[in-house]
């Protein structure tokens, strides 16, 4: 068994769509970042990469490379899935906590689980998603940013 931990955070920015968990949400701001800023997919990708002792998402998909500008973060998950397949490892479970003040994510979790499961070739019941607020503490608590923590377990 292997275990990986992933973390990511991005600030809100006006004028771009909000992407979380591979889906677009209705919101007045999106997340800044070189790619689409999908904080959940970035944290999942880093957790999986950590479990196989691979370089992190920033090393594999550097913000200095213009080809990743605005890229859909599902691409990062699909690449990571290939790395797992090469090592004959399979995902047993993903557990993620998205920390934000708004929008409410609970109603969108089924669609997010579907998008992640499809990209990784796993079942939706292998993915647990939770949302928490930061109780007005720091930029996340003031609604200026979103953070995400993820744990991945693998077997091979």
C-alpha atoms as a PDB file:
ATOM      1  CA  UNK A   1       0.000   0.000   0.000  1.00  0.00           C
ATOM      2  CA  UNK A   2       1.111   3.531  -0.747  1.00  0.00           C
ATOM      3  CA  UNK A   3      -0.301   6.769   0.630  1.00  0.00           C
ATOM      4  CA  UNK A   4       0.078  10.258  -0.827  1.00  0.00           C
ATOM      5  CA  UNK A   5      -0.912  13.696   0.412  1.00  0.00           C
ATOM      6  CA  UNK A   6      -1.737  16.641  -1.817  1.00  0.00           C
ATOM      7  CA  UNK A   7      -2.439  20.293  -1.092  1.00  0.00           C
ATOM      8  CA  UNK A   8      -3.260  23.220  -3.329  1.00  0.00           C
ATOM      9  CA  UNK A   9      -4.687  26.706  -3.047  1.00  0.00           C
ATOM     10  CA  UNK A  10      -5.618  29.431  -5.504  1.00  0.00           C
ATOM     11  CA  UNK A  11      -6.936  32.956  -5.171  1.00  0.00           C
ATOM     12  CA  UNK A  12     -10.206  34.093  -6.698  1.00  0.00           C
ATOM     13  CA  UNK A  13      -9.953  36.298  -9.771  1.00  0.00           C
ATOM     14  CA  UNK A  14     -12.715  38.048 -11.711  1.00  0.00           C
ATOM     15  CA  UNK A  15     -13.430  37.379 -15.353  1.00  0.00           C
ATOM     16  CA  UNK A  16     -12.644  33.669 -15.504  1.00  0.00           C
ATOM     17  CA  UNK A  17     -14.860  30.601 -15.010  1.00  0.00           C
ATOM     18  CA  UNK A  18     -14.768  28.715 -11.716  1.00  0.00           C
ATOM     19  CA  UNK A  19     -13.584  25.126 -12.233  1.00  0.00           C
ATOM     20  CA  UNK A  20     -13.592  22.711  -9.303  1.00  0.00           C
ATOM     21  CA  UNK A  21     -13.501  18.950  -9.593  1.00  0.00           C
ATOM     22  CA  UNK A  22     -13.512  18.981 -13.371  1.00  0.00           C
ATOM     23  CA  UNK A  23     -16.780  20.893 -13.684  1.00  0.00           C
ATOM     24  CA  UNK A  24     -17.650  24.549 -14.177  1.00  0.00           C
ATOM     25  CA  UNK A  25     -19.622  26.184 -11.372  1.00  0.00           C
ATOM     26  CA  UNK A  26     -21.752  29.289 -11.528  1.00  0.00           C
ATOM     27  CA  UNK A  27     -19.888  31.937  -9.545  1.00  0.00           C
ATOM     28  CA  UNK A  28     -18.856  35.567  -9.981  1.00  0.00           C
ATOM     29  CA  UNK A  29     -15.122  34.697  -9.970  1.00  0.00           C
ATOM     30  CA  UNK A  30     -12.824  31.876 -10.981  1.00  0.00           C
ATOM     31  CA  UNK A  31      -9.528  30.639  -9.596  1.00  0.00           C
ATOM     32  CA  UNK A  32      -6.242  32.108 -10.693  1.00  0.00           C
ATOM     33  CA  UNK A  33      -3.488  29.847 -11.892  1.00  0.00           C
ATOM     34  CA  UNK A  34      -1.520  29.016 -14.994  1.00  0.00           C
ATOM     35  CA  UNK A  35      -3.912  26.213 -15.938  1.00  0.00           C
ATOM     36  CA  UNK A  36      -7.643  26.356 -15.199  1.00  0.00           C
ATOM     37  CA  UNK A  37      -6.831  26.665 -11.464  1.00  0.00           C
ATOM     38  CA  UNK A  38      -8.864  23.591 -10.445  1.00  0.00           C
ATOM     39  CA  UNK A  39      -7.730  23.355  -6.833  1.00  0.00           C
ATOM     40  CA  UNK A  40      -9.352  19.950  -6.213  1.00  0.00           C
ATOM     41  CA  UNK A  41      -7.813  18.284  -9.265  1.00  0.00           C
ATOM     42  CA  UNK A  42      -4.413  19.788  -8.479  1.00  0.00           C
ATOM     43  CA  UNK A  43      -4.497  18.435  -4.924  1.00  0.00           C
ATOM     44  CA  UNK A  44      -5.627  14.992  -6.130  1.00  0.00           C
ATOM     45  CA  UNK A  45      -2.877  14.952  -8.761  1.00  0.00           C
ATOM     46  CA  UNK A  46      -0.230  15.861  -6.174  1.00  0.00           C
ATOM     47  CA  UNK A  47      -1.515  13.225  -3.747  1.00  0.00           C
ATOM     48  CA  UNK A  48      -1.248  10.540  -6.438  1.00  0.00           C
ATOM     49  CA  UNK A  49       2.187  11.761  -7.527  1.00  0.00           C
ATOM     50  CA  UNK A  50       3.329  11.760  -3.919  1.00  0.00           C
ATOM     51  CA  UNK A  51       2.183   8.176  -3.440  1.00  0.00           C
ATOM     52  CA  UNK A  52       4.483   7.070  -6.268  1.00  0.00           C
ATOM     53  CA  UNK A  53       7.367   9.376  -5.249  1.00  0.00           C
ATOM     54  CA  UNK A  54       7.129  11.273  -8.552  1.00  0.00           C
ATOM     55  CA  UNK A  55       7.850  14.978  -9.031  1.00  0.00           C
ATOM     56  CA  UNK A  56       4.977  17.276  -8.072  1.00  0.00           C
ATOM     57  CA  UNK A  57       2.470  18.888 -10.420  1.00  0.00           C
ATOM     58  CA  UNK A  58       4.529  22.082 -10.713  1.00  0.00           C
ATOM     59  CA  UNK A  59       7.581  20.149 -11.883  1.00  0.00           C
ATOM     60  CA  UNK A  60       5.666  18.012 -14.391  1.00  0.00           C
ATOM     61  CA  UNK A  61       3.450  20.822 -15.714  1.00  0.00           C
ATOM     62  CA  UNK A  62       5.470  23.976 -14.987  1.00  0.00           C
ATOM     63  CA  UNK A  63       3.735  27.349 -15.071  1.00  0.00           C
ATOM     64  CA  UNK A  64       6.713  28.610 -17.087  1.00  0.00           C
ATOM     65  CA  UNK A  65       5.626  26.394 -20.010  1.00  0.00           C
ATOM     66  CA  UNK A  66       3.076  28.260 -22.161  1.00  0.00           C
ATOM     67  CA  UNK A  67       1.487  24.997 -23.358  1.00  0.00           C
ATOM     68  CA  UNK A  68      -0.162  24.608 -19.930  1.00  0.00           C
ATOM     69  CA  UNK A  69      -1.679  28.123 -19.992  1.00  0.00           C
ATOM     70  CA  UNK A  70      -5.412  27.640 -19.388  1.00  0.00           C
ATOM     71  CA  UNK A  71      -5.093  23.831 -19.651  1.00  0.00           C
ATOM     72  CA  UNK A  72      -7.904  21.661 -18.296  1.00  0.00           C
ATOM     73  CA  UNK A  73      -6.623  20.056 -15.103  1.00  0.00           C
ATOM     74  CA  UNK A  74      -8.258  16.747 -16.054  1.00  0.00           C
ATOM     75  CA  UNK A  75      -5.246  16.367 -18.390  1.00  0.00           C
ATOM     76  CA  UNK A  76      -2.985  16.266 -15.325  1.00  0.00           C
ATOM     77  CA  UNK A  77      -5.076  13.494 -13.776  1.00  0.00           C
ATOM     78  CA  UNK A  78      -5.057  11.469 -16.986  1.00  0.00           C
ATOM     79  CA  UNK A  79      -1.262  11.746 -17.246  1.00  0.00           C
ATOM     80  CA  UNK A  80      -0.926  10.676 -13.619  1.00  0.00           C
ATOM     81  CA  UNK A  81      -3.188   7.691 -14.262  1.00  0.00           C
ATOM     82  CA  UNK A  82      -0.742   6.551 -16.961  1.00  0.00           C
ATOM     83  CA  UNK A  83       2.118   6.768 -14.451  1.00  0.00           C
ATOM     84  CA  UNK A  84       0.140   4.596 -12.031  1.00  0.00           C
ATOM     85  CA  UNK A  85      -0.637   2.078 -14.773  1.00  0.00           C
ATOM     86  CA  UNK A  86       3.068   1.867 -15.719  1.00  0.00           C
ATOM     87  CA  UNK A  87       3.859   1.009 -12.089  1.00  0.00           C
ATOM     88  CA  UNK A  88       0.974  -1.490 -11.857  1.00  0.00           C
ATOM     89  CA  UNK A  89      -0.626   0.527  -9.067  1.00  0.00           C
ATOM     90  CA  UNK A  90      -4.330   1.125  -8.623  1.00  0.00           C
ATOM     91  CA  UNK A  91      -6.181   3.751  -6.654  1.00  0.00           C
ATOM     92  CA  UNK A  92      -8.120   2.319  -3.741  1.00  0.00           C
ATOM     93  CA  UNK A  93      -9.443   5.568  -2.294  1.00  0.00           C
ATOM     94  CA  UNK A  94      -9.282   9.364  -2.546  1.00  0.00           C
ATOM     95  CA  UNK A  95     -10.389  11.613   0.312  1.00  0.00           C
ATOM     96  CA  UNK A  96     -10.473  15.381  -0.205  1.00  0.00           C
ATOM     97  CA  UNK A  97     -11.476  18.441   1.771  1.00  0.00           C
ATOM     98  CA  UNK A  98     -12.076  21.662  -0.142  1.00  0.00           C
ATOM     99  CA  UNK A  99     -11.856  24.694   2.149  1.00  0.00           C
ATOM    100  CA  UNK A 100     -13.862  27.714   0.973  1.00  0.00           C
ATOM    101  CA  UNK A 101     -16.534  30.139   2.076  1.00  0.00           C
ATOM    102  CA  UNK A 102     -18.603  30.077  -1.109  1.00  0.00           C
ATOM    103  CA  UNK A 103     -20.039  28.746  -3.343  1.00  0.00           C
ATOM    104  CA  UNK A 104     -21.634  25.738  -1.676  1.00  0.00           C
ATOM    105  CA  UNK A 105     -20.129  22.590  -3.173  1.00  0.00           C
ATOM    106  CA  UNK A 106     -22.285  19.803  -1.714  1.00  0.00           C
ATOM    107  CA  UNK A 107     -24.860  19.818  -4.514  1.00  0.00           C
ATOM    108  CA  UNK A 108     -22.025  19.524  -7.073  1.00  0.00           C
ATOM    109  CA  UNK A 109     -20.149  16.625  -5.468  1.00  0.00           C
ATOM    110  CA  UNK A 110     -21.863  13.891  -7.526  1.00  0.00           C
ATOM    111  CA  UNK A 111     -20.822  15.552 -10.808  1.00  0.00           C
ATOM    112  CA  UNK A 112     -17.301  16.160  -9.482  1.00  0.00           C
ATOM    113  CA  UNK A 113     -16.958  12.521  -8.421  1.00  0.00           C
ATOM    114  CA  UNK A 114     -18.142  11.438 -11.880  1.00  0.00           C
ATOM    115  CA  UNK A 115     -15.569  13.644 -13.638  1.00  0.00           C
ATOM    116  CA  UNK A 116     -12.696  12.491 -11.420  1.00  0.00           C
ATOM    117  CA  UNK A 117     -13.722   8.819 -11.590  1.00  0.00           C
ATOM    118  CA  UNK A 118     -13.952   8.905 -15.380  1.00  0.00           C
ATOM    119  CA  UNK A 119     -10.555  10.577 -15.710  1.00  0.00           C
ATOM    120  CA  UNK A 120      -8.865   8.094 -13.364  1.00  0.00           C
ATOM    121  CA  UNK A 121     -10.766   4.962 -14.377  1.00  0.00           C
ATOM    122  CA  UNK A 122     -12.117   4.325 -10.883  1.00  0.00           C
ATOM    123  CA  UNK A 123     -15.571   4.083  -9.305  1.00  0.00           C
ATOM    124  CA  UNK A 124     -17.264   7.087  -7.734  1.00  0.00           C
ATOM    125  CA  UNK A 125     -17.507   5.234  -4.411  1.00  0.00           C
ATOM    126  CA  UNK A 126     -13.699   5.355  -4.244  1.00  0.00           C
ATOM    127  CA  UNK A 127     -13.854   9.166  -3.979  1.00  0.00           C
ATOM    128  CA  UNK A 128     -14.929  11.072  -0.882  1.00  0.00           C
ATOM    129  CA  UNK A 129     -15.400  14.836  -1.109  1.00  0.00           C
ATOM    130  CA  UNK A 130     -16.062  17.247   1.717  1.00  0.00           C
ATOM    131  CA  UNK A 131     -16.293  21.028   1.972  1.00  0.00           C
ATOM    132  CA  UNK A 132     -15.421  23.101   5.006  1.00  0.00           C
ATOM    133  CA  UNK A 133     -15.294  26.803   5.733  1.00  0.00           C
ATOM    134  CA  UNK A 134     -12.310  28.526   7.304  1.00  0.00           C
ATOM    135  CA  UNK A 135     -14.403  30.520   9.780  1.00  0.00           C
ATOM    136  CA  UNK A 136     -13.204  33.970   8.602  1.00  0.00           C
ATOM    137  CA  UNK A 137      -9.539  33.069   9.150  1.00  0.00           C
ATOM    138  CA  UNK A 138      -6.989  34.189   6.499  1.00  0.00           C
ATOM    139  CA  UNK A 139      -7.606  34.721   2.761  1.00  0.00           C
ATOM    140  CA  UNK A 140      -9.684  31.545   2.484  1.00  0.00           C
ATOM    141  CA  UNK A 141     -11.894  32.588   5.391  1.00  0.00           C
ATOM    142  CA  UNK A 142     -12.355  36.043   3.879  1.00  0.00           C
ATOM    143  CA  UNK A 143     -13.552  34.433   0.625  1.00  0.00           C
ATOM    144  CA  UNK A 144     -10.476  35.537  -1.337  1.00  0.00           C
ATOM    145  CA  UNK A 145      -9.130  32.045  -2.018  1.00  0.00           C
ATOM    146  CA  UNK A 146      -9.812  28.309  -1.907  1.00  0.00           C
ATOM    147  CA  UNK A 147      -7.611  25.526  -0.515  1.00  0.00           C
ATOM    148  CA  UNK A 148      -7.797  21.757  -0.823  1.00  0.00           C
ATOM    149  CA  UNK A 149      -6.248  18.831   1.065  1.00  0.00           C
ATOM    150  CA  UNK A 150      -6.293  15.309  -0.398  1.00  0.00           C
ATOM    151  CA  UNK A 151      -5.116  11.854   0.644  1.00  0.00           C
ATOM    152  CA  UNK A 152      -4.747   9.041  -1.881  1.00  0.00           C
ATOM    153  CA  UNK A 153      -4.255   5.356  -1.129  1.00  0.00           C
ATOM    154  CA  UNK A 154      -2.881   2.989  -3.755  1.00  0.00           C
ATOM    155  CA  UNK A 155      -2.279  -0.744  -3.980  1.00  0.00           C
ATOM    156  CA  UNK A 156      -0.112  -2.672  -6.366  1.00  0.00           C
END
